[in-house]
Amino acid sequence: MRPLGTAGALSADRVLWVPYAQRGSIYPVVPLVQELRRRGKEILLLGPDGLKPLAKTLGVGFQPYASDISYDWSDRGRSDEHAMGPRALGRAWFRERVRAEFLEVEGAVSSFDPSVLLADSFVVGAGMAAEFRNIAWASYVHYLFDEGAEVDAMYRIWWEGPGPGNEPYLRWWDELRGSVGVGPETRPPRDVPWLRMSPHLTFLLGHPLLRQGQRELPHYVARTSFPPWDETGTGVDLGEWPSMAQRRPRVLVANSSAWQDDFALVRETLAALADQDVDVVATVAAEHDLDTDVPSNAVMSGYTSHTSLLPHVDAVVSTAGYGLVSKALWWGRPLVLAPRGRDQHYVADAVSRAGCGVRISWPPDPDELRRAVKEAIGSARTRERARQLSGPIPGHAGPRRATEMLLDLVRRS
């Protein structure tokens, strides 16, 4: 192993980017990648073959995984792969995936010789490979990570049901590290929730309002405020919207980009608002059958760039997915949220407490939906509170500041 940071040039001219291959995981970090590109840094995206078009769009290099690693949550058949761990196959399932990730990053390091690695914290093997090769690395968190948790929330959700206390978790974590040839964890027990993240530099993405926990963050963790980014060129054409000339209120309703049984929200919102003086655009990101009546005041599409729609709507209805809510708040749009699972309840609670949206129950009820949309659109207080939360949030790193932090990490290594 070589001294930390000796791979590549100390100016961080070569960045190995290892994302988790889901829209909601990748898009939040793209502004940082774009800023690195603007500064002339060479970036190699390592991931499943399906990310090749994204690499081309961003103007970065691409190296496909040699092994069969899939992170596809877009359809019902693959939706629960992340939850299969001990419940179906024991810990071997996750250990095997981590080892495959580790080997993929090892190969890319050997061929690309990066100065620094930028990795999604979901790709656990990437950080271990960087540590094994003594390469400076940064990670990012694109979901609602409870900063006050005592144990890694993903351990509870993915791998062990209710989850253990600190000591059992540390034993499991060191076993996982040992399976790829990395020594025991050196961080203190108080950092247990952060062990999947980089001890050099970790970015918390998404709208700062939604972040949880009152504990002091580890010194290597930074909250950010990045502008939204989506791939464009597909989905709804704004010219298709009814009554564009009259300009009555417009409502966006969207489900999760990862498959879950949440199409009821789209169906019930279309029904609830069919006779209202509003226009509705419904976007269905995952692979659902679009088997519902679309009233005359609505259009429905598959995946559509929300950053192209949000400047033109007056309210957003969703299941409280962290990514869409962050984007809606950037544009200062009031929200109607029907949380169904995962971190959605925490997101909806944060929005409700902040006064910039309305939380409703699941399954969604048309009468409740109708009242909530009327409140979101009609309440001057709710609209103003959402407006106050729009744009970059002072005191949180934007893409330029985050890039400086990443480059400084390599200079210090």
Protein backbone atom coordinates (compact mmCIF):
# COMPACT_ATOMS: atom_id res chain seq x y z
CA MET A 1 0.00 0.00 0.00
CA ARG A 2 1.22 3.50 -0.86
CA PRO A 3 1.05 6.69 1.22
CA LEU A 4 -2.39 8.30 1.33
CA GLY A 5 -3.08 10.57 -1.61
CA THR A 6 -0.11 9.61 -3.80
CA ALA A 7 -2.35 8.22 -6.55
CA GLY A 8 -2.59 10.68 -9.44
CA ALA A 9 -1.77 14.36 -9.16
CA LEU A 10 -2.20 16.18 -5.86
CA SER A 11 -4.34 18.75 -7.64
CA ALA A 12 -7.08 16.07 -7.87
CA ASP A 13 -6.99 16.08 -11.67
CA ARG A 14 -8.43 12.55 -11.80
CA VAL A 15 -11.64 11.72 -9.93
CA LEU A 16 -13.08 8.19 -9.81
CA TRP A 17 -16.84 8.53 -9.31
CA VAL A 18 -18.73 5.46 -8.05
CA PRO A 19 -22.47 6.21 -7.86
CA TYR A 20 -25.36 4.02 -6.83
CA ALA A 21 -27.24 3.46 -10.06
CA GLN A 22 -30.65 4.94 -9.30
CA ARG A 23 -31.99 8.33 -10.41
CA GLY A 24 -32.74 9.43 -6.87
CA SER A 25 -29.23 8.44 -5.81
CA ILE A 26 -27.28 9.94 -8.71
CA TYR A 27 -29.00 13.18 -9.63
CA PRO A 28 -28.45 15.01 -6.30
CA VAL A 29 -24.65 14.84 -6.64
CA VAL A 30 -24.46 15.83 -10.33
CA PRO A 31 -23.98 19.57 -9.59
CA LEU A 32 -20.73 18.68 -7.80
CA VAL A 33 -19.60 16.53 -10.75
CA GLN A 34 -20.43 19.38 -13.14
CA GLU A 35 -18.39 21.84 -11.09
CA LEU A 36 -15.42 19.46 -11.15
CA ARG A 37 -15.78 19.23 -14.92
CA ARG A 38 -15.88 23.03 -15.22
CA ARG A 39 -12.54 23.11 -13.42
CA GLY A 40 -11.01 20.76 -15.95
CA LYS A 41 -10.88 17.64 -13.77
CA GLU A 42 -10.92 14.27 -15.50
CA ILE A 43 -13.74 12.12 -14.14
CA LEU A 44 -14.34 8.41 -14.66
CA LEU A 45 -17.79 7.05 -13.80
CA LEU A 46 -17.63 3.42 -12.70
CA GLY A 47 -20.93 1.57 -12.62
CA PRO A 48 -23.47 -0.70 -14.33
CA ASP A 49 -23.64 -0.50 -18.11
CA GLY A 50 -26.94 1.40 -17.99
CA LEU A 51 -25.10 4.52 -16.77
CA LYS A 52 -23.18 4.94 -20.01
CA PRO A 53 -25.70 7.44 -21.50
CA LEU A 54 -25.52 9.53 -18.32
CA ALA A 55 -21.73 9.63 -18.52
CA LYS A 56 -22.03 10.86 -22.11
CA THR A 57 -24.54 13.54 -21.09
CA LEU A 58 -22.19 14.80 -18.38
CA GLY A 59 -19.07 14.60 -20.53
CA VAL A 60 -17.26 12.19 -18.20
CA GLY A 61 -15.47 8.93 -18.90
CA PHE A 62 -17.21 5.64 -18.30
CA GLN A 63 -16.07 2.18 -17.23
CA PRO A 64 -18.76 -0.50 -16.92
CA TYR A 65 -18.74 -3.05 -14.13
CA ALA A 66 -17.20 -6.31 -15.27
CA SER A 67 -19.38 -8.25 -12.84
CA ASP A 68 -23.15 -8.47 -12.60
CA ILE A 69 -23.92 -5.86 -9.92
CA SER A 70 -27.44 -4.49 -10.18
CA TYR A 71 -28.99 -1.61 -8.24
CA ASP A 72 -32.21 -1.52 -10.26
CA TRP A 73 -35.28 -0.68 -8.16
CA SER A 74 -37.41 0.46 -11.11
CA ASP A 75 -39.81 -2.46 -11.38
CA ARG A 76 -41.71 -4.78 -9.08
CA GLY A 77 -39.47 -7.77 -9.79
CA ARG A 78 -36.33 -6.04 -8.54
CA SER A 79 -37.88 -3.72 -5.96
CA ASP A 80 -37.10 -5.81 -2.89
CA GLU A 81 -33.60 -6.97 -3.81
CA HIS A 82 -32.18 -4.51 -1.30
CA ALA A 83 -34.25 -6.09 1.49
CA MET A 84 -33.31 -9.71 0.83
CA GLY A 85 -30.16 -9.86 2.98
CA PRO A 86 -30.55 -11.92 6.15
CA ARG A 87 -34.28 -12.39 5.62
CA ALA A 88 -33.73 -14.60 2.57
CA LEU A 89 -30.10 -15.53 2.11
CA GLY A 90 -28.31 -14.60 5.30
CA ARG A 91 -25.49 -12.11 5.52
CA ALA A 92 -23.74 -13.74 2.56
CA TRP A 93 -25.91 -11.76 0.12
CA PHE A 94 -24.63 -8.40 1.24
CA ARG A 95 -21.08 -9.57 1.86
CA GLU A 96 -20.89 -10.89 -1.71
CA ARG A 97 -22.11 -7.62 -3.15
CA VAL A 98 -19.63 -5.61 -1.10
CA ARG A 99 -16.81 -7.85 -2.27
CA ALA A 100 -17.88 -7.42 -5.90
CA GLU A 101 -17.92 -3.63 -5.46
CA PHE A 102 -14.51 -3.75 -3.80
CA LEU A 103 -13.00 -5.67 -6.71
CA GLU A 104 -14.56 -3.36 -9.31
CA VAL A 105 -13.07 -0.28 -7.64
CA GLU A 106 -9.73 -2.03 -7.19
CA GLY A 107 -9.60 -2.64 -10.94
CA ALA A 108 -10.55 0.92 -11.78
CA VAL A 109 -7.92 2.31 -9.41
CA SER A 110 -5.27 0.20 -11.10
CA SER A 111 -6.21 1.36 -14.61
CA PHE A 112 -7.28 4.97 -13.97
CA ASP A 113 -4.93 5.93 -11.11
CA PRO A 114 -7.26 8.49 -9.51
CA SER A 115 -6.25 11.30 -7.18
CA VAL A 116 -9.47 10.95 -5.21
CA LEU A 117 -12.53 8.73 -5.13
CA LEU A 118 -16.10 10.11 -4.89
CA ALA A 119 -18.53 7.38 -3.84
CA ASP A 120 -22.15 6.97 -2.90
CA SER A 121 -22.30 5.71 0.68
CA PHE A 122 -24.61 2.90 -0.50
CA VAL A 123 -21.69 1.40 -2.47
CA VAL A 124 -19.97 0.07 0.64
CA GLY A 125 -17.20 -1.77 -1.19
CA ALA A 126 -15.96 1.43 -2.84
CA GLY A 127 -14.87 3.06 0.41
CA MET A 128 -13.23 -0.13 1.58
CA ALA A 129 -11.25 -0.35 -1.67
CA ALA A 130 -10.14 3.27 -1.31
CA GLU A 131 -9.00 2.57 2.24
CA PHE A 132 -7.19 -0.59 1.15
CA ARG A 133 -5.32 1.38 -1.53
CA ASN A 134 -4.73 4.39 0.75
CA ILE A 135 -6.54 6.77 -1.59
CA ALA A 136 -8.31 9.85 -0.31
CA TRP A 137 -12.05 9.46 -0.73
CA ALA A 138 -15.24 11.40 -0.21
CA SER A 139 -18.75 10.03 0.13
CA TYR A 140 -22.24 11.47 -0.14
CA VAL A 141 -25.63 10.71 1.39
CA HIS A 142 -28.67 11.30 -0.83
CA TYR A 143 -31.46 10.14 1.49
CA LEU A 144 -32.75 11.27 4.88
CA PHE A 145 -30.01 10.08 7.21
CA ASP A 146 -31.00 10.46 10.85
CA GLU A 147 -28.00 12.29 12.28
CA GLY A 148 -29.12 11.46 15.81
CA ALA A 149 -29.32 7.70 15.27
CA GLU A 150 -27.18 5.38 17.36
CA VAL A 151 -26.82 2.73 14.64
CA ASP A 152 -26.66 2.95 10.85
CA ALA A 153 -30.28 3.23 9.72
CA MET A 154 -29.62 1.20 6.57
CA TYR A 155 -28.45 -1.72 8.69
CA ARG A 156 -31.89 -1.82 10.26
CA ILE A 157 -33.79 -1.31 7.01
CA TRP A 158 -31.80 -3.57 4.69
CA TRP A 159 -29.97 -6.23 6.59
CA GLU A 160 -31.16 -6.94 10.10
CA GLY A 161 -34.74 -5.87 10.59
CA PRO A 162 -34.98 -3.96 13.89
CA GLY A 163 -31.21 -3.73 14.14
CA PRO A 164 -28.69 -4.26 16.93
CA GLY A 165 -26.98 -2.01 19.39
CA ASN A 166 -23.52 -0.57 18.82
CA GLU A 167 -21.45 -3.59 19.82
CA PRO A 168 -23.22 -6.17 17.62
CA TYR A 169 -23.14 -3.69 14.77
CA LEU A 170 -19.40 -3.10 15.17
CA ARG A 171 -18.78 -6.86 15.17
CA TRP A 172 -20.79 -7.23 11.96
CA TRP A 173 -19.02 -4.26 10.39
CA ASP A 174 -15.55 -5.59 11.18
CA GLU A 175 -16.56 -9.00 9.78
CA LEU A 176 -17.63 -7.27 6.59
CA ARG A 177 -14.36 -5.35 6.40
CA GLY A 178 -12.37 -8.49 7.05
CA SER A 179 -14.13 -10.29 4.19
CA VAL A 180 -12.36 -7.97 1.72
CA GLY A 181 -9.04 -7.86 3.53
CA VAL A 182 -9.44 -4.53 5.35
CA GLY A 183 -8.52 -4.31 9.02
CA PRO A 184 -10.87 -3.46 11.91
CA GLU A 185 -12.58 -0.10 12.07
CA THR A 186 -10.53 2.61 13.80
CA ARG A 187 -13.23 5.22 14.30
CA PRO A 188 -14.69 5.59 17.82
CA PRO A 189 -18.03 3.97 18.78
CA ARG A 190 -19.78 7.36 18.66
CA ASP A 191 -19.25 7.33 14.88
CA VAL A 192 -21.12 4.05 14.38
CA PRO A 193 -23.94 5.65 12.30
CA TRP A 194 -21.30 7.05 9.93
CA LEU A 195 -19.11 4.01 9.30
CA ARG A 196 -20.35 3.54 5.71
CA MET A 197 -19.38 7.15 5.01
CA SER A 198 -15.90 8.51 4.37
CA PRO A 199 -13.88 9.54 7.45
CA HIS A 200 -12.11 12.05 5.18
CA LEU A 201 -15.12 13.97 3.80
CA THR A 202 -18.85 13.22 3.61
CA PHE A 203 -21.51 15.43 2.00
CA LEU A 204 -25.12 15.34 3.21
CA LEU A 205 -27.19 16.12 0.12
CA GLY A 206 -30.80 17.30 -0.15
CA HIS A 207 -32.60 20.26 1.35
CA PRO A 208 -31.10 21.19 4.75
CA LEU A 209 -34.57 21.62 6.27
CA LEU A 210 -35.09 17.89 6.02
CA ARG A 211 -31.96 16.79 7.84
CA GLN A 212 -32.56 15.28 11.27
CA GLY A 213 -30.78 15.05 14.59
CA GLN A 214 -29.37 17.45 17.12
CA ARG A 215 -26.01 15.78 17.74
CA GLU A 216 -22.81 17.46 16.70
CA LEU A 217 -21.70 16.16 13.34
CA PRO A 218 -18.32 14.43 12.97
CA HIS A 219 -15.69 16.85 11.70
CA TYR A 220 -15.62 15.17 8.28
CA VAL A 221 -19.36 15.69 7.58
CA ALA A 222 -20.76 18.72 5.74
CA ARG A 223 -24.35 19.69 5.01
CA THR A 224 -24.89 21.00 1.50
CA SER A 225 -27.39 22.99 -0.56
CA PHE A 226 -27.10 21.99 -4.23
CA PRO A 227 -29.45 23.07 -7.02
CA PRO A 228 -31.64 20.30 -8.48
CA TRP A 229 -30.56 18.39 -11.56
CA ASP A 230 -32.43 15.95 -13.80
CA GLU A 231 -31.88 14.43 -17.19
CA THR A 232 -34.01 16.27 -19.73
CA GLY A 233 -35.51 15.52 -23.10
CA THR A 234 -38.22 13.03 -22.08
CA GLY A 235 -41.71 13.09 -20.67
CA VAL A 236 -44.34 15.81 -20.54
CA ASP A 237 -44.30 18.66 -23.02
CA LEU A 238 -45.52 21.76 -21.19
CA GLY A 239 -47.38 22.74 -24.33
CA GLU A 240 -49.65 19.73 -23.80
CA TRP A 241 -51.04 21.08 -20.57
CA PRO A 242 -54.67 22.16 -20.78
CA SER A 243 -55.60 25.81 -20.23
CA MET A 244 -52.02 27.08 -20.55
CA ALA A 245 -53.40 30.36 -21.87
CA GLN A 246 -55.77 30.83 -18.93
CA ARG A 247 -53.02 30.06 -16.39
CA ARG A 248 -55.02 28.51 -13.60
CA PRO A 249 -53.21 26.77 -10.73
CA ARG A 250 -51.05 23.79 -11.71
CA VAL A 251 -50.38 20.72 -9.58
CA LEU A 252 -47.61 18.15 -10.06
CA VAL A 253 -48.24 14.67 -8.67
CA ALA A 254 -45.39 12.16 -8.71
CA ASN A 255 -44.59 8.76 -7.27
CA SER A 256 -41.23 7.38 -6.16
CA SER A 257 -38.40 6.78 -8.63
CA ALA A 258 -37.76 3.45 -6.87
CA TRP A 259 -40.53 0.90 -7.30
CA GLN A 260 -43.04 0.65 -4.51
CA ASP A 261 -46.78 0.11 -4.47
CA ASP A 262 -47.57 3.84 -4.55
CA PHE A 263 -49.46 4.36 -7.82
CA ALA A 264 -52.63 4.86 -5.74
CA LEU A 265 -51.45 8.40 -5.01
CA VAL A 266 -51.41 9.28 -8.71
CA ARG A 267 -54.75 7.60 -9.36
CA GLU A 268 -56.54 9.19 -6.40
CA THR A 269 -55.09 12.65 -7.04
CA LEU A 270 -56.30 12.60 -10.63
CA ALA A 271 -59.75 11.57 -9.43
CA ALA A 272 -59.83 14.09 -6.56
CA LEU A 273 -58.88 17.04 -8.77
CA ALA A 274 -60.81 16.08 -11.91
CA ASP A 275 -63.59 18.61 -11.25
CA GLN A 276 -61.39 21.29 -9.68
CA ASP A 277 -60.25 24.54 -11.27
CA VAL A 278 -56.65 23.33 -11.61
CA ASP A 279 -54.44 21.64 -14.17
CA VAL A 280 -52.60 18.48 -13.17
CA VAL A 281 -49.48 16.81 -14.52
CA ALA A 282 -48.77 13.30 -13.26
CA THR A 283 -45.35 11.71 -13.69
CA VAL A 284 -44.78 8.02 -12.99
CA ALA A 285 -41.06 7.33 -12.64
CA ALA A 286 -40.92 3.60 -11.91
CA GLU A 287 -42.32 0.89 -14.17
CA HIS A 288 -46.00 0.95 -13.25
CA ASP A 289 -48.86 0.23 -15.61
CA LEU A 290 -50.51 3.57 -16.32
CA ASP A 291 -53.94 1.98 -15.90
CA THR A 292 -56.14 4.81 -14.75
CA ASP A 293 -58.51 7.36 -16.23
CA VAL A 294 -56.88 10.69 -17.02
CA PRO A 295 -59.40 13.55 -16.73
CA SER A 296 -59.54 16.42 -19.21
CA ASN A 297 -57.65 18.78 -16.88
CA ALA A 298 -54.64 16.45 -16.60
CA VAL A 299 -51.80 14.84 -18.53
CA MET A 300 -49.83 11.78 -17.44
CA SER A 301 -46.39 10.61 -18.42
CA GLY A 302 -43.60 8.28 -17.47
CA TYR A 303 -40.29 9.69 -16.26
CA THR A 304 -40.13 13.47 -16.73
CA SER A 305 -37.52 15.96 -15.59
CA HIS A 306 -39.00 17.56 -12.49
CA THR A 307 -36.56 20.46 -12.66
CA SER A 308 -38.20 21.44 -15.95
CA LEU A 309 -41.68 21.22 -14.43
CA LEU A 310 -41.26 22.66 -10.94
CA PRO A 311 -40.75 26.32 -11.97
CA HIS A 312 -44.18 26.15 -13.63
CA VAL A 313 -46.34 24.51 -10.94
CA ASP A 314 -48.06 25.88 -7.85
CA ALA A 315 -48.04 22.78 -5.63
CA VAL A 316 -46.55 19.28 -5.51
CA VAL A 317 -48.28 16.09 -4.38
CA SER A 318 -45.99 13.14 -3.58
CA THR A 319 -45.25 10.25 -1.26
CA ALA A 320 -42.64 12.46 0.48
CA GLY A 321 -39.64 11.07 -1.36
CA TYR A 322 -36.52 12.87 -0.16
CA GLY A 323 -35.32 13.81 -3.64
CA LEU A 324 -38.54 15.29 -5.01
CA VAL A 325 -39.30 17.16 -1.79
CA SER A 326 -35.79 18.65 -1.82
CA LYS A 327 -36.29 19.78 -5.42
CA ALA A 328 -39.75 21.22 -4.72
CA LEU A 329 -38.40 23.22 -1.78
CA TRP A 330 -35.54 24.58 -3.90
CA TRP A 331 -38.23 26.08 -6.13
CA GLY A 332 -40.30 27.18 -3.13
CA ARG A 333 -43.32 25.03 -3.96
CA PRO A 334 -45.81 24.04 -1.21
CA LEU A 335 -46.30 20.31 -0.76
CA VAL A 336 -49.01 17.75 -0.11
CA LEU A 337 -47.36 14.60 1.23
CA ALA A 338 -48.76 11.09 1.73
CA PRO A 339 -45.82 9.13 3.21
CA ARG A 340 -45.86 5.39 2.74
CA GLY A 341 -42.57 3.99 4.05
CA ARG A 342 -38.77 4.19 4.41
CA ASP A 343 -37.69 7.76 5.27
CA GLN A 344 -40.89 9.32 3.89
CA HIS A 345 -42.57 9.73 7.29
CA TYR A 346 -39.60 11.74 8.57
CA VAL A 347 -39.60 13.93 5.45
CA ALA A 348 -43.33 14.61 5.78
CA ASP A 349 -42.96 15.45 9.47
CA ALA A 350 -40.18 17.95 8.70
CA VAL A 351 -42.28 19.66 6.02
CA SER A 352 -45.32 19.80 8.29
CA ARG A 353 -43.31 21.29 11.17
CA ALA A 354 -41.84 23.92 8.86
CA GLY A 355 -45.29 24.98 7.69
CA CYS A 356 -44.50 24.62 3.99
CA GLY A 357 -46.83 21.74 3.27
CA VAL A 358 -49.67 19.45 4.37
CA ARG A 359 -49.31 15.85 5.49
CA ILE A 360 -52.12 13.42 4.69
CA SER A 361 -52.65 9.75 5.46
CA TRP A 362 -51.90 6.62 3.47
CA PRO A 363 -53.73 5.21 1.63
CA PRO A 364 -54.71 8.55 0.12
CA ASP A 365 -58.34 9.60 0.37
CA PRO A 366 -59.75 11.78 -2.46
CA ASP A 367 -61.60 14.15 -0.10
CA GLU A 368 -58.50 14.61 2.06
CA LEU A 369 -56.37 15.11 -1.05
CA ARG A 370 -58.74 17.74 -2.40
CA ARG A 371 -58.75 19.69 0.87
CA ALA A 372 -54.97 19.47 1.21
CA VAL A 373 -54.32 20.73 -2.32
CA LYS A 374 -56.71 23.63 -1.75
CA GLU A 375 -54.82 24.51 1.44
CA ALA A 376 -51.40 24.24 -0.22
CA ILE A 377 -52.44 26.48 -3.09
CA GLY A 378 -54.73 28.81 -1.21
CA SER A 379 -52.86 29.43 2.05
CA ALA A 380 -50.71 32.55 1.76
CA ARG A 381 -48.83 31.48 4.88
CA THR A 382 -47.94 28.05 3.46
CA ARG A 383 -46.89 29.52 0.11
CA GLU A 384 -44.75 32.18 1.78
CA ARG A 385 -43.05 29.68 4.07
CA ALA A 386 -42.19 27.52 1.06
CA ARG A 387 -40.87 30.58 -0.77
CA GLN A 388 -38.64 31.44 2.19
CA LEU A 389 -37.02 28.00 1.91
CA SER A 390 -36.26 28.30 -1.80
CA GLY A 391 -32.88 28.50 -3.50
CA PRO A 392 -29.49 27.96 -1.87
CA ILE A 393 -29.58 27.97 1.92
CA PRO A 394 -26.97 30.25 3.53
CA GLY A 395 -24.34 28.50 5.58
CA HIS A 396 -24.50 25.27 3.59
CA ALA A 397 -21.97 24.28 0.95
CA GLY A 398 -23.02 24.75 -2.66
CA PRO A 399 -21.27 22.98 -5.56
CA ARG A 400 -18.38 25.46 -5.65
CA ARG A 401 -17.67 25.23 -1.92
CA ALA A 402 -18.07 21.44 -1.94
CA THR A 403 -15.59 21.23 -4.83
CA GLU A 404 -13.08 23.29 -2.89
CA MET A 405 -13.52 20.96 0.07
CA LEU A 406 -12.90 17.93 -2.16
CA LEU A 407 -9.80 19.44 -3.72
CA ASP A 408 -8.53 20.55 -0.33
CA LEU A 409 -8.93 16.98 0.91
CA VAL A 410 -6.41 15.82 -1.69
CA ARG A 411 -4.03 18.69 -0.97
CA ARG A 412 -4.04 17.72 2.71
CA SER A 413 -3.57 14.01 2.04
